[in-house]
Protein backbone atom coordinates (compact mmCIF):
# COMPACT_ATOMS: atom_id res chain seq x y z
CA MET A 1 74.48 59.12 -21.03
CA GLU A 2 76.01 56.71 -18.51
CA GLY A 3 79.68 57.46 -17.72
CA GLU A 4 81.10 54.35 -19.37
CA ASN A 5 79.17 54.86 -22.60
CA THR A 6 80.23 58.24 -24.01
CA ARG A 7 81.49 58.47 -27.56
CA GLU A 8 84.46 60.50 -26.35
CA GLU A 9 85.64 57.49 -24.32
CA ARG A 10 85.04 55.19 -27.27
CA GLN A 11 87.33 57.29 -29.39
CA ARG A 12 90.22 56.23 -27.18
CA GLY A 13 90.16 52.97 -29.13
CA ILE A 14 92.86 50.56 -28.10
CA THR A 15 93.23 52.18 -24.67
CA ARG A 16 89.57 51.53 -23.92
CA LYS A 17 89.78 47.93 -25.09
CA ALA A 18 92.97 47.39 -23.10
CA LEU A 19 91.27 48.65 -19.95
CA PHE A 20 88.44 46.11 -20.42
CA LYS A 21 90.97 43.29 -20.75
CA ALA A 22 93.00 44.49 -17.82
CA ALA A 23 89.82 44.64 -15.67
CA LEU A 24 89.05 41.03 -16.58
CA ILE A 25 92.48 39.97 -15.43
CA ALA A 26 92.57 42.07 -12.25
CA THR A 27 89.00 41.57 -11.05
CA PRO A 28 87.58 38.13 -10.21
CA VAL A 29 84.42 37.56 -12.29
CA PRO A 30 82.00 34.75 -11.26
CA PHE A 31 81.91 32.19 -14.14
CA LEU A 32 79.92 29.02 -14.55
CA ILE A 33 81.08 25.78 -16.24
CA GLY A 34 82.13 26.65 -19.78
CA GLU A 35 83.37 30.07 -18.73
CA VAL A 36 79.97 31.68 -18.99
CA PRO A 37 79.44 34.56 -16.49
CA ALA A 38 77.13 33.85 -13.53
CA LEU A 39 73.74 35.62 -13.71
CA ALA A 40 73.56 38.81 -11.64
CA ARG A 41 70.62 37.42 -9.69
CA THR A 42 73.03 34.94 -7.97
CA MET A 43 74.48 37.94 -6.06
CA ALA A 44 71.15 38.82 -4.45
CA GLY A 45 71.39 38.92 -0.67
CA THR A 46 75.19 39.09 -0.56
CA GLY A 47 75.26 42.80 0.10
CA GLN A 48 77.86 43.24 -2.69
CA GLN A 49 77.47 45.94 -5.35
CA LEU A 50 77.13 44.58 -8.87
CA GLU A 51 79.39 45.40 -11.84
CA PRO A 52 77.55 47.21 -14.56
CA THR A 53 77.01 45.42 -17.88
CA PRO A 54 79.86 46.39 -20.22
CA PHE A 55 79.40 48.82 -23.01
CA CYS A 56 79.98 47.09 -26.40
CA ASP A 57 79.43 49.06 -29.59
CA ASP A 58 80.77 48.39 -33.12
CA GLY A 59 80.40 52.10 -34.00
CA ASP A 60 77.59 51.58 -36.52
CA ASP A 61 74.57 52.33 -34.26
CA LEU A 62 74.13 55.98 -35.11
CA THR A 63 73.97 56.17 -38.88
CA ILE A 64 72.34 53.96 -41.50
CA SER A 65 74.53 53.53 -44.60
CA GLN A 66 73.61 52.50 -48.14
CA THR A 67 75.25 49.14 -47.53
CA GLU A 68 73.93 46.33 -45.36
CA GLY A 69 75.26 46.35 -41.85
CA PRO A 70 74.43 46.14 -38.10
CA TYR A 71 72.96 49.62 -37.96
CA PHE A 72 70.60 50.80 -35.25
CA LYS A 73 67.26 51.98 -36.71
CA PRO A 74 65.11 54.08 -34.32
CA ASN A 75 61.35 53.74 -33.89
CA SER A 76 61.27 49.93 -33.88
CA PRO A 77 57.91 48.33 -33.16
CA GLN A 78 57.06 47.48 -29.54
CA ARG A 79 57.05 43.65 -29.50
CA SER A 80 58.68 40.81 -27.59
CA THR A 81 58.63 38.41 -30.57
CA LEU A 82 60.77 38.93 -33.68
CA PRO A 83 59.13 36.70 -36.27
CA GLY A 84 61.11 34.85 -38.96
CA SER A 85 62.48 31.50 -39.97
CA GLY A 86 65.51 29.93 -38.34
CA THR A 87 66.49 28.09 -35.16
CA PRO A 88 64.10 29.26 -32.42
CA LEU A 89 65.72 31.16 -29.62
CA THR A 90 64.31 32.74 -26.45
CA VAL A 91 66.39 35.19 -24.35
CA SER A 92 65.13 35.95 -20.89
CA GLY A 93 66.44 37.49 -17.70
CA TYR A 94 66.25 40.50 -15.43
CA VAL A 95 67.54 44.06 -15.35
CA PHE A 96 69.13 45.16 -12.09
CA GLY A 97 70.67 48.33 -10.62
CA LEU A 98 74.04 48.30 -8.91
CA SER A 99 72.55 47.20 -5.56
CA CYS A 100 70.84 44.18 -7.20
CA GLN A 101 67.43 45.79 -7.11
CA PRO A 102 65.19 44.85 -10.09
CA LEU A 103 64.32 47.77 -12.33
CA ALA A 104 60.88 48.12 -13.85
CA ASN A 105 59.97 49.84 -17.12
CA VAL A 106 63.53 49.60 -18.56
CA LEU A 107 63.50 50.02 -22.36
CA LEU A 108 65.27 47.18 -24.17
CA ASP A 109 65.64 47.66 -27.91
CA PHE A 110 66.88 44.57 -29.72
CA TRP A 111 68.14 44.19 -33.27
CA GLN A 112 69.98 41.35 -35.01
CA ALA A 113 70.84 39.60 -38.29
CA ASP A 114 68.56 37.02 -39.86
CA THR A 115 69.61 33.37 -40.24
CA ASN A 116 71.75 34.28 -43.26
CA GLY A 117 73.61 37.10 -41.47
CA ASN A 118 71.71 39.93 -43.15
CA TYR A 119 70.33 43.04 -41.39
CA ASP A 120 67.18 44.73 -42.50
CA ASN A 121 67.88 48.44 -42.69
CA VAL A 122 64.74 49.30 -44.70
CA THR A 123 61.87 47.88 -42.58
CA TYR A 124 62.02 46.33 -39.12
CA ASN A 125 62.57 42.60 -39.55
CA PHE A 126 64.38 41.24 -36.43
CA ARG A 127 64.03 44.61 -34.69
CA GLY A 128 61.83 45.43 -31.79
CA HIS A 129 61.69 47.00 -28.33
CA GLN A 130 60.02 46.06 -25.05
CA TYR A 131 59.92 47.14 -21.38
CA THR A 132 60.79 45.16 -18.24
CA ASN A 133 57.84 44.30 -16.04
CA ALA A 134 57.33 45.16 -12.37
CA GLN A 135 59.92 42.48 -11.39
CA GLY A 136 62.50 43.73 -13.83
CA ALA A 137 62.08 40.71 -16.09
CA PHE A 138 62.11 40.52 -19.87
CA LYS A 139 61.74 37.85 -22.50
CA LEU A 140 62.64 38.00 -26.19
CA THR A 141 61.44 35.36 -28.68
CA THR A 142 63.49 35.31 -31.87
CA ILE A 143 65.92 33.05 -33.79
CA VAL A 144 69.61 32.36 -33.56
CA PRO A 145 71.19 35.10 -35.69
CA GLY A 146 73.43 34.21 -38.61
CA LEU A 147 77.04 35.22 -38.87
CA TYR A 148 77.73 38.75 -40.08
CA PRO A 149 81.01 39.11 -42.08
CA GLY A 150 83.94 39.79 -39.80
CA ARG A 151 82.02 39.30 -36.55
CA THR A 152 81.09 36.52 -34.22
CA ARG A 153 77.41 35.64 -33.59
CA HIS A 154 75.70 38.28 -31.52
CA ILE A 155 72.51 40.28 -30.70
CA HIS A 156 72.47 44.06 -30.36
CA VAL A 157 70.63 45.78 -27.55
CA LYS A 158 70.14 49.29 -26.12
CA ALA A 159 68.96 49.44 -22.50
CA GLN A 160 67.67 52.59 -20.77
CA ALA A 161 66.10 52.93 -17.36
CA PRO A 162 63.45 55.68 -17.11
CA GLY A 163 65.17 59.08 -17.09
CA ARG A 164 68.68 57.58 -17.26
CA GLY A 165 71.39 57.19 -19.91
CA ILE A 166 71.49 54.55 -22.63
CA LEU A 167 73.69 51.45 -22.46
CA THR A 168 74.54 50.13 -25.96
CA THR A 169 75.87 46.56 -25.85
CA GLN A 170 75.79 43.16 -27.42
CA LEU A 171 75.06 39.61 -26.25
CA TYR A 172 77.22 36.68 -27.30
CA PHE A 173 76.88 32.91 -27.63
CA PRO A 174 79.33 30.53 -25.87
CA GLY A 175 81.41 28.12 -27.90
CA GLU A 176 81.45 30.19 -31.05
CA PRO A 177 84.73 29.78 -33.02
CA ARG A 178 84.85 33.46 -33.89
CA ASN A 179 84.68 34.55 -30.27
CA ASN A 180 88.46 34.36 -30.04
CA THR A 181 89.12 36.46 -33.09
CA ASP A 182 86.39 39.10 -32.83
CA THR A 183 88.02 42.40 -31.68
CA ILE A 184 84.77 43.63 -30.04
CA TYR A 185 83.84 40.42 -28.22
CA ASP A 186 83.73 40.63 -24.41
CA PRO A 187 83.28 37.37 -22.44
CA ARG A 188 81.31 39.23 -19.78
CA LEU A 189 78.52 39.54 -22.35
CA LEU A 190 78.14 35.80 -22.88
CA MET A 191 74.63 34.43 -22.43
CA ASN A 192 73.86 31.11 -20.69
CA VAL A 193 72.57 29.04 -23.65
CA ARG A 194 71.13 25.50 -23.61
CA PRO A 195 69.40 23.44 -26.28
CA VAL A 196 65.64 22.89 -25.84
CA GLY A 197 64.05 20.64 -28.43
CA SER A 198 64.79 22.02 -31.91
CA GLY A 199 65.70 25.45 -30.49
CA LYS A 200 67.73 27.17 -27.78
CA GLU A 201 67.05 29.02 -24.52
CA ALA A 202 69.38 31.77 -23.32
CA THR A 203 69.45 33.83 -20.09
CA PHE A 204 71.23 37.03 -19.33
CA ASP A 205 70.90 39.61 -16.56
CA PHE A 206 71.69 43.25 -17.39
CA VAL A 207 73.10 45.55 -14.67
CA LEU A 208 72.66 49.24 -15.30
CA ASN A 209 74.70 51.98 -13.73
CA VAL A 210 71.80 53.02 -11.52
CA GLN A 211 71.97 53.63 -7.72
CA GLY A 212 68.64 53.07 -6.09
CA VAL A 213 65.42 52.56 -7.96
CA PRO A 214 64.67 55.06 -10.77
CA PRO A 215 61.16 56.49 -11.10
CA THR A 216 58.80 54.35 -13.09
CA GLN A 217 56.97 55.75 -16.09
CA THR A 218 53.61 55.15 -14.44
CA PRO A 219 52.78 55.77 -10.75
CA THR A 220 52.70 52.66 -8.62
CA PRO A 221 49.47 52.44 -6.62
CA THR A 222 49.73 52.35 -2.84
CA PRO A 223 49.37 48.65 -1.93
CA THR A 224 46.88 47.47 0.58
CA THR A 225 47.40 44.36 2.67
CA SER A 226 45.57 41.39 1.26
CA PRO A 227 45.71 37.63 1.82
CA SER A 228 48.19 35.49 -0.11
CA PRO A 229 46.59 34.16 -3.34
CA GLY A 230 48.64 30.98 -3.03
CA GLY A 231 47.93 30.34 0.62
CA GLY A 232 50.52 30.76 3.39
CA THR A 233 51.85 33.74 5.31
CA TRP A 234 53.02 35.91 2.39
CA LYS A 235 50.67 38.89 1.82
CA VAL A 236 50.43 41.81 -0.58
CA GLY A 237 51.22 45.26 0.98
CA VAL A 238 53.61 44.06 3.64
CA THR A 239 57.06 45.63 4.10
CA TYR A 240 59.52 42.72 4.29
CA GLN A 241 63.09 42.97 5.52
CA ALA A 242 66.04 40.87 4.34
CA GLY A 243 66.01 37.62 6.31
CA ASP A 244 62.25 37.47 6.84
CA GLN A 245 60.71 34.08 6.12
CA VAL A 246 57.25 33.44 4.67
CA THR A 247 55.28 30.50 3.26
CA TYR A 248 53.62 30.43 -0.12
CA GLY A 249 52.08 27.58 -2.01
CA GLY A 250 53.27 25.04 0.52
CA SER A 251 56.94 26.25 0.35
CA THR A 252 59.07 28.44 2.65
CA TYR A 253 60.95 31.41 1.27
CA ARG A 254 63.60 33.76 2.72
CA CYS A 255 63.58 37.45 1.81
CA LEU A 256 66.80 38.51 0.04
CA GLN A 257 66.28 42.24 0.04
CA GLY A 258 63.85 44.62 1.72
CA HIS A 259 60.73 45.61 -0.23
CA THR A 260 57.03 46.20 -0.02
CA SER A 261 55.15 43.25 -1.59
CA LEU A 262 52.91 43.91 -4.59
CA THR A 263 50.62 41.73 -6.62
CA GLY A 264 52.76 39.89 -9.14
CA TRP A 265 55.73 39.79 -6.77
CA GLU A 266 54.77 36.44 -5.24
CA PRO A 267 57.90 34.58 -3.94
CA PRO A 268 58.10 32.03 -6.82
CA ASN A 269 57.96 34.87 -9.41
CA VAL A 270 60.80 37.05 -8.09
CA PRO A 271 63.98 35.17 -7.34
CA ALA A 272 65.74 38.51 -6.88
CA LEU A 273 63.60 39.09 -3.83
CA TRP A 274 62.91 35.61 -2.41
CA GLN A 275 64.94 32.43 -2.06
CA ARG A 276 63.26 29.06 -1.50
CA VAL A 277 64.54 27.32 1.61
């Protein structure tokens, strides 16, 4: 388990919560308008080490009780869409390590309440897991969860890089009246949310306590140099260094962090690696 996520530390109760609040006061945290944290991807190329996504657990993730509640249920189906009626919501983003490198094949297990605030502890409604792609990206299609008694609006998630510990946390919605009274709520876990048509789109970048790039679950084939599919100077199989510039699809991009290019890592697809100039 990752150091900040052990149950022994959670049993410290108020002390643990106080440390979180003290850290927020003592450490500058990049926030956007509306006091929503900046996405981790905005730190790419700065050379600064990222802060790990905070642990956030209501203590009900290990055991399923007879009563309804926000309990974790193992063996959820692998799927990126949680079907059901309600206000449509998509949550997308990236998973990074501490050095802002995207992490592939990270397990993300989501579960949430339905539109009425009820959790399904018998079957797997509004439960499902997925893996990040080669660029560390994920996308969840679901609905805006209803309010669970005593809590603010939230989505549960467990994140685990291959061969590493599990981060149990929650994602929150800005502007919720109960955010100020929820004892578990942590503003560092706010998503960026905007209305789109009749639904909402949210973004959030996870940062796992991982130094370097963990091994993937499947071996990555050795790339061979090949021409850019979008035209320009960018090519597959080239080792790029931070600061290198390439052209792709008629635009110029600057490399933010060193890497060897792979198919699917075209500059427009990986903002963690390339910045348009």
